[in-house]
Amino acid sequence: MIIGKKLIILVIILLVLFFVFLEPVSAQDRGEEAEVLQLAPHIFRVTFPYQLRTNIGVSAGDDGILLVDTGFKETGKDLLKTVQHLCKGTVRYIINTHLHGDHVGGNAECAKSATLIDGQNLDHCMSYGVIFPGNSSLIGESGNGFDTCYSLNFNGEKIQIVPYPGMHSDADLIVYFSSSGIVHMGDLLLTQSFPAVDSKVKEYLVFLDKVISVFPKNTKFIGGHGRDYTLDEVIEYKQMLLTTIAKVRAEMEKGMTIEDMQNANVLEEWESWGEYLSFLNTDYWIESIYKSYPI
């Protein structure tokens, strides 16, 4: 009987240990502390050093917490802990810049008390009075700008939501904290990478022209991944794209194929732009340009 009881206790201990080690390890336990950067009095950028290092925007104030994207599912609990250190209120709204898993994975953890806003439910949110039609303030002096926007008043400022689908995904949004001068661009701006727009390179240049026309010089830009930008840096980014496009098109005029240009490494000078997100390397960008400017 004694041996039997000892055996039962040993089995219980082993089962407890088994299930403890099955517990998901948090980002903090993995030594992956979030980078929290304050960009304005109540606007923060939170980034976990996990996989693609998604940039999450946070408005934290008297009205509570608003998130722009929530990152990966695996960092959802840690995101919630992080933002609750910034503000004791609840997460009231989540605006998803698009619906890819690295931007919406944390919704399951963070959206328990929140209203979700994304590129596919804007009209639904407007019909319920969550957001409202925007105005013409997102048209630049030249007349270039965004035809459609929605607005949400939260934490003492107007947040403008601009749908711009069809380049990176079917549900892309940009989110403008107008009083704070902060724009979260989602994956419509990858500040340390070539743009992820496949064969829509020409359309992307038109989009950047609108961004440059509309937003004031002191605006700060949060990209979907990578460091933050100033407006001058957005302009420099566009110039880099124009230079690489001209280089590839010149080689195309000589009769080079995609494979020829990739093998010759015609964009060797710009290889660093393929290091942060390795799948968006020079081979990818050569192919995108080639498909966007058929001869």
C-alpha atoms as a PDB file:
ATOM      1  CA  MET A   1       0.000   0.000   0.000  1.00  0.00           C
ATOM      2  CA  ILE A   2       2.814   2.419   0.866  1.00  0.00           C
ATOM      3  CA  ILE A   3       4.562   1.663  -2.422  1.00  0.00           C
ATOM      4  CA  GLY A   4       1.263   2.218  -4.243  1.00  0.00           C
ATOM      5  CA  LYS A   5       0.744   5.642  -2.623  1.00  0.00           C
ATOM      6  CA  LYS A   6       4.299   6.699  -3.426  1.00  0.00           C
ATOM      7  CA  LEU A   7       3.804   5.638  -7.030  1.00  0.00           C
ATOM      8  CA  ILE A   8       0.586   7.647  -7.292  1.00  0.00           C
ATOM      9  CA  ILE A   9       2.312  10.727  -5.821  1.00  0.00           C
ATOM     10  CA  LEU A  10       5.213  10.336  -8.246  1.00  0.00           C
ATOM     11  CA  VAL A  11       2.825  10.076 -11.207  1.00  0.00           C
ATOM     12  CA  ILE A  12       0.982  13.215 -10.054  1.00  0.00           C
ATOM     13  CA  ILE A  13       4.263  15.136  -9.734  1.00  0.00           C
ATOM     14  CA  LEU A  14       5.334  14.034 -13.206  1.00  0.00           C
ATOM     15  CA  LEU A  15       1.975  15.046 -14.689  1.00  0.00           C
ATOM     16  CA  VAL A  16       2.176  18.481 -13.033  1.00  0.00           C
ATOM     17  CA  LEU A  17       5.677  19.020 -14.389  1.00  0.00           C
ATOM     18  CA  PHE A  18       4.546  17.862 -17.839  1.00  0.00           C
ATOM     19  CA  PHE A  19       1.716  20.370 -18.008  1.00  0.00           C
ATOM     20  CA  VAL A  20       3.873  23.174 -16.575  1.00  0.00           C
ATOM     21  CA  PHE A  21       6.339  22.714 -19.389  1.00  0.00           C
ATOM     22  CA  LEU A  22       3.475  22.684 -21.876  1.00  0.00           C
ATOM     23  CA  GLU A  23       2.558  26.225 -20.773  1.00  0.00           C
ATOM     24  CA  PRO A  24       3.347  28.748 -23.507  1.00  0.00           C
ATOM     25  CA  VAL A  25       6.456  30.747 -22.691  1.00  0.00           C
ATOM     26  CA  SER A  26       5.785  34.478 -22.651  1.00  0.00           C
ATOM     27  CA  ALA A  27       7.829  36.947 -24.611  1.00  0.00           C
ATOM     28  CA  GLN A  28       9.204  38.333 -21.348  1.00  0.00           C
ATOM     29  CA  ASP A  29      10.259  34.855 -20.207  1.00  0.00           C
ATOM     30  CA  ARG A  30      12.079  34.445 -23.529  1.00  0.00           C
ATOM     31  CA  GLY A  31      13.958  37.668 -22.816  1.00  0.00           C
ATOM     32  CA  GLU A  32      11.998  39.503 -25.515  1.00  0.00           C
ATOM     33  CA  GLU A  33      11.062  42.714 -23.730  1.00  0.00           C
ATOM     34  CA  ALA A  34       8.973  45.102 -25.776  1.00  0.00           C
ATOM     35  CA  GLU A  35      10.527  48.303 -27.053  1.00  0.00           C
ATOM     36  CA  VAL A  36       8.211  51.122 -25.972  1.00  0.00           C
ATOM     37  CA  LEU A  37       8.849  54.489 -27.605  1.00  0.00           C
ATOM     38  CA  GLN A  38       6.842  57.581 -26.734  1.00  0.00           C
ATOM     39  CA  LEU A  39       6.200  59.619 -29.894  1.00  0.00           C
ATOM     40  CA  ALA A  40       3.776  62.204 -28.461  1.00  0.00           C
ATOM     41  CA  PRO A  41       2.267  62.905 -25.000  1.00  0.00           C
ATOM     42  CA  HIS A  42      -0.179  59.998 -25.239  1.00  0.00           C
ATOM     43  CA  ILE A  43       1.002  58.141 -28.368  1.00  0.00           C
ATOM     44  CA  PHE A  44       3.446  55.230 -28.168  1.00  0.00           C
ATOM     45  CA  ARG A  45       4.981  52.699 -30.501  1.00  0.00           C
ATOM     46  CA  VAL A  46       5.388  49.181 -29.094  1.00  0.00           C
ATOM     47  CA  THR A  47       7.559  46.593 -30.861  1.00  0.00           C
ATOM     48  CA  PHE A  48       8.402  43.071 -29.739  1.00  0.00           C
ATOM     49  CA  PRO A  49      11.668  41.560 -31.050  1.00  0.00           C
ATOM     50  CA  TYR A  50       9.677  38.563 -32.286  1.00  0.00           C
ATOM     51  CA  GLN A  51       9.796  37.255 -35.870  1.00  0.00           C
ATOM     52  CA  LEU A  52       8.863  40.182 -38.180  1.00  0.00           C
ATOM     53  CA  ARG A  53       8.892  42.742 -35.320  1.00  0.00           C
ATOM     54  CA  THR A  54       5.501  44.269 -36.002  1.00  0.00           C
ATOM     55  CA  ASN A  55       5.078  47.920 -34.950  1.00  0.00           C
ATOM     56  CA  ILE A  56       2.010  48.535 -32.790  1.00  0.00           C
ATOM     57  CA  GLY A  57       0.578  52.011 -32.243  1.00  0.00           C
ATOM     58  CA  VAL A  58      -0.945  52.921 -28.869  1.00  0.00           C
ATOM     59  CA  SER A  59      -3.099  55.858 -27.786  1.00  0.00           C
ATOM     60  CA  ALA A  60      -3.278  55.823 -23.972  1.00  0.00           C
ATOM     61  CA  GLY A  61      -5.227  58.455 -22.067  1.00  0.00           C
ATOM     62  CA  ASP A  62      -8.358  59.408 -20.138  1.00  0.00           C
ATOM     63  CA  ASP A  63     -10.653  57.596 -22.578  1.00  0.00           C
ATOM     64  CA  GLY A  64      -8.668  54.376 -22.275  1.00  0.00           C
ATOM     65  CA  ILE A  65      -6.499  52.552 -24.794  1.00  0.00           C
ATOM     66  CA  LEU A  66      -6.650  52.386 -28.575  1.00  0.00           C
ATOM     67  CA  LEU A  67      -4.354  50.019 -30.459  1.00  0.00           C
ATOM     68  CA  VAL A  68      -3.296  50.184 -34.070  1.00  0.00           C
ATOM     69  CA  ASP A  69      -2.580  46.514 -34.837  1.00  0.00           C
ATOM     70  CA  THR A  70      -1.835  43.896 -32.198  1.00  0.00           C
ATOM     71  CA  GLY A  71       1.085  41.934 -33.649  1.00  0.00           C
ATOM     72  CA  PHE A  72       1.463  38.187 -33.403  1.00  0.00           C
ATOM     73  CA  LYS A  73      -0.777  35.867 -31.401  1.00  0.00           C
ATOM     74  CA  GLU A  74       2.281  34.725 -29.447  1.00  0.00           C
ATOM     75  CA  THR A  75       2.898  38.217 -28.040  1.00  0.00           C
ATOM     76  CA  GLY A  76      -0.757  39.140 -27.397  1.00  0.00           C
ATOM     77  CA  LYS A  77      -0.679  38.616 -23.630  1.00  0.00           C
ATOM     78  CA  ASP A  78       2.567  40.530 -23.296  1.00  0.00           C
ATOM     79  CA  LEU A  79       1.152  43.375 -25.381  1.00  0.00           C
ATOM     80  CA  LEU A  80      -1.827  43.641 -23.059  1.00  0.00           C
ATOM     81  CA  LYS A  81       0.463  43.748 -20.003  1.00  0.00           C
ATOM     82  CA  THR A  82       2.666  46.360 -21.672  1.00  0.00           C
ATOM     83  CA  VAL A  83      -0.133  48.776 -22.594  1.00  0.00           C
ATOM     84  CA  GLN A  84      -1.783  48.418 -19.194  1.00  0.00           C
ATOM     85  CA  HIS A  85       1.428  49.786 -17.688  1.00  0.00           C
ATOM     86  CA  LEU A  86       0.953  52.849 -19.909  1.00  0.00           C
ATOM     87  CA  CYS A  87      -2.666  53.393 -18.942  1.00  0.00           C
ATOM     88  CA  LYS A  88      -4.953  51.834 -16.335  1.00  0.00           C
ATOM     89  CA  GLY A  89      -7.957  51.939 -18.672  1.00  0.00           C
ATOM     90  CA  THR A  90      -9.246  49.136 -20.859  1.00  0.00           C
ATOM     91  CA  VAL A  91      -8.578  48.575 -24.552  1.00  0.00           C
ATOM     92  CA  ARG A  92     -11.557  50.369 -26.124  1.00  0.00           C
ATOM     93  CA  TYR A  93     -10.652  50.189 -29.821  1.00  0.00           C
ATOM     94  CA  ILE A  94      -8.396  48.183 -32.097  1.00  0.00           C
ATOM     95  CA  ILE A  95      -7.770  49.496 -35.607  1.00  0.00           C
ATOM     96  CA  ASN A  96      -6.161  46.877 -37.841  1.00  0.00           C
ATOM     97  CA  THR A  97      -4.168  48.361 -40.705  1.00  0.00           C
ATOM     98  CA  HIS A  98      -4.790  45.090 -42.572  1.00  0.00           C
ATOM     99  CA  LEU A  99      -5.711  41.529 -41.769  1.00  0.00           C
ATOM    100  CA  HIS A 100      -2.427  39.622 -42.021  1.00  0.00           C
ATOM    101  CA  GLY A 101      -1.608  37.408 -39.044  1.00  0.00           C
ATOM    102  CA  ASP A 102       1.403  39.409 -37.904  1.00  0.00           C
ATOM    103  CA  HIS A 103      -0.892  42.429 -37.421  1.00  0.00           C
ATOM    104  CA  VAL A 104      -4.092  40.861 -36.053  1.00  0.00           C
ATOM    105  CA  GLY A 105      -2.791  37.850 -34.112  1.00  0.00           C
ATOM    106  CA  GLY A 106      -3.029  39.631 -30.761  1.00  0.00           C
ATOM    107  CA  ASN A 107      -6.674  40.583 -31.305  1.00  0.00           C
ATOM    108  CA  ALA A 108      -7.908  37.451 -29.533  1.00  0.00           C
ATOM    109  CA  GLU A 109      -6.186  38.541 -26.332  1.00  0.00           C
ATOM    110  CA  CYS A 110      -6.628  42.302 -26.578  1.00  0.00           C
ATOM    111  CA  ALA A 111     -10.101  42.649 -28.114  1.00  0.00           C
ATOM    112  CA  LYS A 112     -12.160  41.180 -25.273  1.00  0.00           C
ATOM    113  CA  SER A 113     -13.523  44.611 -24.377  1.00  0.00           C
ATOM    114  CA  ALA A 114     -12.703  46.422 -27.610  1.00  0.00           C
ATOM    115  CA  THR A 115     -14.446  47.449 -30.798  1.00  0.00           C
ATOM    116  CA  LEU A 116     -12.586  46.199 -33.879  1.00  0.00           C
ATOM    117  CA  ILE A 117     -12.176  48.511 -36.850  1.00  0.00           C
ATOM    118  CA  ASP A 118     -10.641  47.295 -40.102  1.00  0.00           C
ATOM    119  CA  GLY A 119     -10.785  47.822 -43.844  1.00  0.00           C
ATOM    120  CA  GLN A 120     -13.654  45.380 -44.261  1.00  0.00           C
ATOM    121  CA  ASN A 121     -16.063  46.766 -41.654  1.00  0.00           C
ATOM    122  CA  LEU A 122     -15.774  50.550 -42.021  1.00  0.00           C
ATOM    123  CA  ASP A 123     -19.337  51.027 -43.290  1.00  0.00           C
ATOM    124  CA  HIS A 124     -20.629  48.738 -40.529  1.00  0.00           C
ATOM    125  CA  CYS A 125     -18.762  50.763 -37.885  1.00  0.00           C
ATOM    126  CA  MET A 126     -20.114  53.991 -39.369  1.00  0.00           C
ATOM    127  CA  SER A 127     -23.698  52.696 -39.342  1.00  0.00           C
ATOM    128  CA  TYR A 128     -23.361  52.046 -35.598  1.00  0.00           C
ATOM    129  CA  GLY A 129     -21.866  55.465 -34.874  1.00  0.00           C
ATOM    130  CA  VAL A 130     -18.411  54.141 -34.016  1.00  0.00           C
ATOM    131  CA  ILE A 131     -16.703  56.208 -36.728  1.00  0.00           C
ATOM    132  CA  PHE A 132     -17.879  59.136 -38.817  1.00  0.00           C
ATOM    133  CA  PRO A 133     -17.277  60.437 -42.351  1.00  0.00           C
ATOM    134  CA  GLY A 134     -14.041  62.408 -42.583  1.00  0.00           C
ATOM    135  CA  ASN A 135     -13.480  65.763 -44.211  1.00  0.00           C
ATOM    136  CA  SER A 136     -11.275  67.340 -46.869  1.00  0.00           C
ATOM    137  CA  SER A 137      -8.304  67.945 -44.547  1.00  0.00           C
ATOM    138  CA  LEU A 138      -6.507  65.021 -46.170  1.00  0.00           C
ATOM    139  CA  ILE A 139      -6.263  66.819 -49.494  1.00  0.00           C
ATOM    140  CA  GLY A 140      -3.000  68.699 -50.020  1.00  0.00           C
ATOM    141  CA  GLU A 141      -2.624  72.242 -51.330  1.00  0.00           C
ATOM    142  CA  SER A 142      -1.950  70.816 -54.800  1.00  0.00           C
ATOM    143  CA  GLY A 143      -5.314  69.037 -54.738  1.00  0.00           C
ATOM    144  CA  ASN A 144      -3.596  65.663 -54.431  1.00  0.00           C
ATOM    145  CA  GLY A 145      -4.652  63.476 -51.535  1.00  0.00           C
ATOM    146  CA  PHE A 146      -7.089  60.899 -50.239  1.00  0.00           C
ATOM    147  CA  ASP A 147     -10.691  60.951 -51.415  1.00  0.00           C
ATOM    148  CA  THR A 148     -12.132  58.917 -48.544  1.00  0.00           C
ATOM    149  CA  CYS A 149     -11.496  58.970 -44.828  1.00  0.00           C
ATOM    150  CA  TYR A 150     -13.318  58.298 -41.588  1.00  0.00           C
ATOM    151  CA  SER A 151     -12.798  59.831 -38.167  1.00  0.00           C
ATOM    152  CA  LEU A 152     -12.915  58.767 -34.535  1.00  0.00           C
ATOM    153  CA  ASN A 153     -12.574  61.111 -31.555  1.00  0.00           C
ATOM    154  CA  PHE A 154     -10.541  59.518 -28.780  1.00  0.00           C
ATOM    155  CA  ASN A 155      -8.239  60.741 -26.020  1.00  0.00           C
ATOM    156  CA  GLY A 156      -8.781  64.356 -26.988  1.00  0.00           C
ATOM    157  CA  GLU A 157      -7.925  64.194 -30.671  1.00  0.00           C
ATOM    158  CA  LYS A 158      -9.410  63.360 -34.029  1.00  0.00           C
ATOM    159  CA  ILE A 159      -8.077  60.098 -35.416  1.00  0.00           C
ATOM    160  CA  GLN A 160      -8.485  59.887 -39.181  1.00  0.00           C
ATOM    161  CA  ILE A 161      -8.723  56.488 -40.850  1.00  0.00           C
ATOM    162  CA  VAL A 162      -7.890  56.289 -44.551  1.00  0.00           C
ATOM    163  CA  PRO A 163      -8.722  53.147 -46.551  1.00  0.00           C
ATOM    164  CA  TYR A 164      -6.244  52.399 -49.337  1.00  0.00           C
ATOM    165  CA  PRO A 165      -6.803  48.793 -50.449  1.00  0.00           C
ATOM    166  CA  GLY A 166      -5.394  46.941 -53.407  1.00  0.00           C
ATOM    167  CA  MET A 167      -1.625  47.233 -53.151  1.00  0.00           C
ATOM    168  CA  HIS A 168      -0.390  45.307 -50.139  1.00  0.00           C
ATOM    169  CA  SER A 169      -3.758  43.710 -49.297  1.00  0.00           C
ATOM    170  CA  ASP A 170      -7.473  44.111 -49.914  1.00  0.00           C
ATOM    171  CA  ALA A 171      -8.043  45.844 -46.572  1.00  0.00           C
ATOM    172  CA  ASP A 172      -5.220  48.353 -46.024  1.00  0.00           C
ATOM    173  CA  LEU A 173      -5.744  51.393 -43.801  1.00  0.00           C
ATOM    174  CA  ILE A 174      -3.552  54.241 -42.664  1.00  0.00           C
ATOM    175  CA  VAL A 175      -4.288  55.856 -39.294  1.00  0.00           C
ATOM    176  CA  TYR A 176      -3.555  59.539 -38.616  1.00  0.00           C
ATOM    177  CA  PHE A 177      -3.432  60.952 -35.088  1.00  0.00           C
ATOM    178  CA  SER A 178      -3.973  64.493 -36.315  1.00  0.00           C
ATOM    179  CA  SER A 179      -3.235  66.508 -33.150  1.00  0.00           C
ATOM    180  CA  SER A 180      -0.163  64.430 -32.318  1.00  0.00           C
ATOM    181  CA  GLY A 181       1.182  64.445 -35.883  1.00  0.00           C
ATOM    182  CA  ILE A 182       1.636  60.663 -35.986  1.00  0.00           C
ATOM    183  CA  VAL A 183       0.675  58.405 -38.918  1.00  0.00           C
ATOM    184  CA  HIS A 184       0.638  54.618 -38.632  1.00  0.00           C
ATOM    185  CA  MET A 185       1.049  53.342 -42.180  1.00  0.00           C
ATOM    186  CA  GLY A 186       0.852  49.598 -41.592  1.00  0.00           C
ATOM    187  CA  ASP A 187       2.593  47.657 -44.334  1.00  0.00           C
ATOM    188  CA  LEU A 188       2.014  50.466 -46.817  1.00  0.00           C
ATOM    189  CA  LEU A 189       5.343  51.749 -45.492  1.00  0.00           C
ATOM    190  CA  LEU A 190       8.236  49.409 -44.727  1.00  0.00           C
ATOM    191  CA  THR A 191      10.925  51.817 -43.655  1.00  0.00           C
ATOM    192  CA  GLN A 192      13.872  49.411 -43.847  1.00  0.00           C
ATOM    193  CA  SER A 193      12.682  47.282 -46.764  1.00  0.00           C
ATOM    194  CA  PHE A 194      11.497  47.436 -50.328  1.00  0.00           C
ATOM    195  CA  PRO A 195       7.694  47.855 -50.432  1.00  0.00           C
ATOM    196  CA  ALA A 196       5.597  44.683 -50.387  1.00  0.00           C
ATOM    197  CA  VAL A 197       3.380  45.581 -53.334  1.00  0.00           C
ATOM    198  CA  ASP A 198       4.214  42.878 -55.900  1.00  0.00           C
ATOM    199  CA  SER A 199       3.380  44.236 -59.379  1.00  0.00           C
ATOM    200  CA  LYS A 200       1.777  47.485 -58.128  1.00  0.00           C
ATOM    201  CA  VAL A 201       4.965  49.549 -58.148  1.00  0.00           C
ATOM    202  CA  LYS A 202       3.538  52.376 -60.286  1.00  0.00           C
ATOM    203  CA  GLU A 203       0.460  52.582 -58.098  1.00  0.00           C
ATOM    204  CA  TYR A 204       2.656  52.671 -55.011  1.00  0.00           C
ATOM    205  CA  LEU A 205       4.538  55.711 -56.294  1.00  0.00           C
ATOM    206  CA  VAL A 206       1.195  57.486 -56.772  1.00  0.00           C
ATOM    207  CA  PHE A 207       0.323  56.588 -53.174  1.00  0.00           C
ATOM    208  CA  LEU A 208       3.604  58.003 -51.854  1.00  0.00           C
ATOM    209  CA  ASP A 209       2.954  61.221 -53.766  1.00  0.00           C
ATOM    210  CA  LYS A 210      -0.340  61.547 -51.904  1.00  0.00           C
ATOM    211  CA  VAL A 211       1.340  60.912 -48.557  1.00  0.00           C
ATOM    212  CA  ILE A 212       3.998  63.530 -49.287  1.00  0.00           C
ATOM    213  CA  SER A 213       1.351  66.053 -50.406  1.00  0.00           C
ATOM    214  CA  VAL A 214      -0.994  65.646 -47.460  1.00  0.00           C
ATOM    215  CA  PHE A 215       0.966  65.324 -44.244  1.00  0.00           C
ATOM    216  CA  PRO A 216       2.780  68.261 -42.594  1.00  0.00           C
ATOM    217  CA  LYS A 217       6.573  68.428 -42.497  1.00  0.00           C
ATOM    218  CA  ASN A 218       6.794  67.600 -38.782  1.00  0.00           C
ATOM    219  CA  THR A 219       4.753  64.384 -39.117  1.00  0.00           C
ATOM    220  CA  LYS A 220       6.209  61.149 -37.732  1.00  0.00           C
ATOM    221  CA  PHE A 221       5.498  57.940 -39.631  1.00  0.00           C
ATOM    222  CA  ILE A 222       5.230  54.482 -38.076  1.00  0.00           C
ATOM    223  CA  GLY A 223       5.796  51.739 -40.630  1.00  0.00           C
ATOM    224  CA  GLY A 224       4.435  48.236 -40.317  1.00  0.00           C
ATOM    225  CA  HIS A 225       7.976  47.002 -39.620  1.00  0.00           C
ATOM    226  CA  GLY A 226      11.216  48.932 -39.156  1.00  0.00           C
ATOM    227  CA  ARG A 227      12.170  52.264 -37.647  1.00  0.00           C
ATOM    228  CA  ASP A 228      10.063  55.426 -37.681  1.00  0.00           C
ATOM    229  CA  TYR A 229      10.370  58.042 -40.427  1.00  0.00           C
ATOM    230  CA  THR A 230      10.117  61.791 -40.823  1.00  0.00           C
ATOM    231  CA  LEU A 231       8.452  63.252 -43.912  1.00  0.00           C
ATOM    232  CA  ASP A 232      11.875  64.044 -45.362  1.00  0.00           C
ATOM    233  CA  GLU A 233      12.770  60.372 -44.972  1.00  0.00           C
ATOM    234  CA  VAL A 234       9.595  59.350 -46.822  1.00  0.00           C
ATOM    235  CA  ILE A 235      10.747  61.608 -49.655  1.00  0.00           C
ATOM    236  CA  GLU A 236      14.212  60.026 -49.579  1.00  0.00           C
ATOM    237  CA  TYR A 237      12.629  56.573 -49.580  1.00  0.00           C
ATOM    238  CA  LYS A 238      10.644  57.434 -52.699  1.00  0.00           C
ATOM    239  CA  GLN A 239      13.825  58.681 -54.376  1.00  0.00           C
ATOM    240  CA  MET A 240      15.569  55.387 -53.582  1.00  0.00           C
ATOM    241  CA  LEU A 241      12.698  53.524 -55.210  1.00  0.00           C
ATOM    242  CA  LEU A 242      12.839  55.748 -58.297  1.00  0.00           C
ATOM    243  CA  THR A 243      16.586  55.169 -58.622  1.00  0.00           C
ATOM    244  CA  THR A 244      16.278  51.385 -58.380  1.00  0.00           C
ATOM    245  CA  ILE A 245      13.340  51.375 -60.789  1.00  0.00           C
ATOM    246  CA  ALA A 246      15.360  53.362 -63.329  1.00  0.00           C
ATOM    247  CA  LYS A 247      18.278  50.959 -62.949  1.00  0.00           C
ATOM    248  CA  VAL A 248      16.136  47.869 -63.553  1.00  0.00           C
ATOM    249  CA  ARG A 249      14.231  49.429 -66.447  1.00  0.00           C
ATOM    250  CA  ALA A 250      17.493  50.396 -68.126  1.00  0.00           C
ATOM    251  CA  GLU A 251      18.617  46.762 -67.972  1.00  0.00           C
ATOM    252  CA  MET A 252      15.231  45.647 -69.259  1.00  0.00           C
ATOM    253  CA  GLU A 253      15.690  47.911 -72.273  1.00  0.00           C
ATOM    254  CA  LYS A 254      18.900  46.004 -72.996  1.00  0.00           C
ATOM    255  CA  GLY A 255      16.884  42.808 -73.183  1.00  0.00           C
ATOM    256  CA  MET A 256      17.761  41.357 -69.781  1.00  0.00           C
ATOM    257  CA  THR A 257      15.229  38.990 -68.198  1.00  0.00           C
ATOM    258  CA  ILE A 258      14.325  38.799 -64.519  1.00  0.00           C
ATOM    259  CA  GLU A 259      16.741  35.886 -64.092  1.00  0.00           C
ATOM    260  CA  ASP A 260      19.510  37.729 -65.963  1.00  0.00           C
ATOM    261  CA  MET A 261      19.213  40.731 -63.648  1.00  0.00           C
ATOM    262  CA  GLN A 262      18.996  38.616 -60.522  1.00  0.00           C
ATOM    263  CA  ASN A 263      22.043  36.574 -61.512  1.00  0.00           C
ATOM    264  CA  ALA A 264      23.966  39.740 -62.386  1.00  0.00           C
ATOM    265  CA  ASN A 265      22.878  41.302 -59.080  1.00  0.00           C
ATOM    266  CA  VAL A 266      22.100  44.596 -60.791  1.00  0.00           C
ATOM    267  CA  LEU A 267      20.820  46.066 -57.495  1.00  0.00           C
ATOM    268  CA  GLU A 268      23.884  45.078 -55.492  1.00  0.00           C
ATOM    269  CA  GLU A 269      24.284  48.664 -54.280  1.00  0.00           C
ATOM    270  CA  TRP A 270      20.898  48.423 -52.524  1.00  0.00           C
ATOM    271  CA  GLU A 271      21.269  44.974 -50.951  1.00  0.00           C
ATOM    272  CA  SER A 272      20.935  46.411 -47.435  1.00  0.00           C
ATOM    273  CA  TRP A 273      17.256  47.096 -48.168  1.00  0.00           C
ATOM    274  CA  GLY A 274      16.694  43.339 -48.250  1.00  0.00           C
ATOM    275  CA  GLU A 275      18.249  42.602 -44.865  1.00  0.00           C
ATOM    276  CA  TYR A 276      15.546  43.622 -42.374  1.00  0.00           C
ATOM    277  CA  LEU A 277      12.827  41.525 -44.029  1.00  0.00           C
ATOM    278  CA  SER A 278      14.866  38.999 -45.976  1.00  0.00           C
ATOM    279  CA  PHE A 279      12.007  37.854 -48.221  1.00  0.00           C
ATOM    280  CA  LEU A 280      11.801  41.411 -49.622  1.00  0.00           C
ATOM    281  CA  ASN A 281      15.304  41.304 -51.073  1.00  0.00           C
ATOM    282  CA  THR A 282      16.742  42.660 -54.313  1.00  0.00           C
ATOM    283  CA  ASP A 283      15.608  39.567 -56.259  1.00  0.00           C
ATOM    284  CA  TYR A 284      12.035  40.242 -55.137  1.00  0.00           C
ATOM    285  CA  TRP A 285      12.282  43.947 -56.010  1.00  0.00           C
ATOM    286  CA  ILE A 286      13.720  43.257 -59.479  1.00  0.00           C
ATOM    287  CA  GLU A 287      10.786  40.953 -60.212  1.00  0.00           C
ATOM    288  CA  SER A 288       8.260  43.485 -58.891  1.00  0.00           C
ATOM    289  CA  ILE A 289       9.660  46.230 -61.111  1.00  0.00           C
ATOM    290  CA  TYR A 290       9.820  43.901 -64.134  1.00  0.00           C
ATOM    291  CA  LYS A 291       6.153  42.923 -63.713  1.00  0.00           C
ATOM    292  CA  SER A 292       5.073  46.523 -63.110  1.00  0.00           C
ATOM    293  CA  TYR A 293       6.744  47.966 -66.224  1.00  0.00           C
ATOM    294  CA  PRO A 294       6.283  45.383 -68.989  1.00  0.00           C
ATOM    295  CA  ILE A 295       8.042  46.176 -72.247  1.00  0.00           C
END
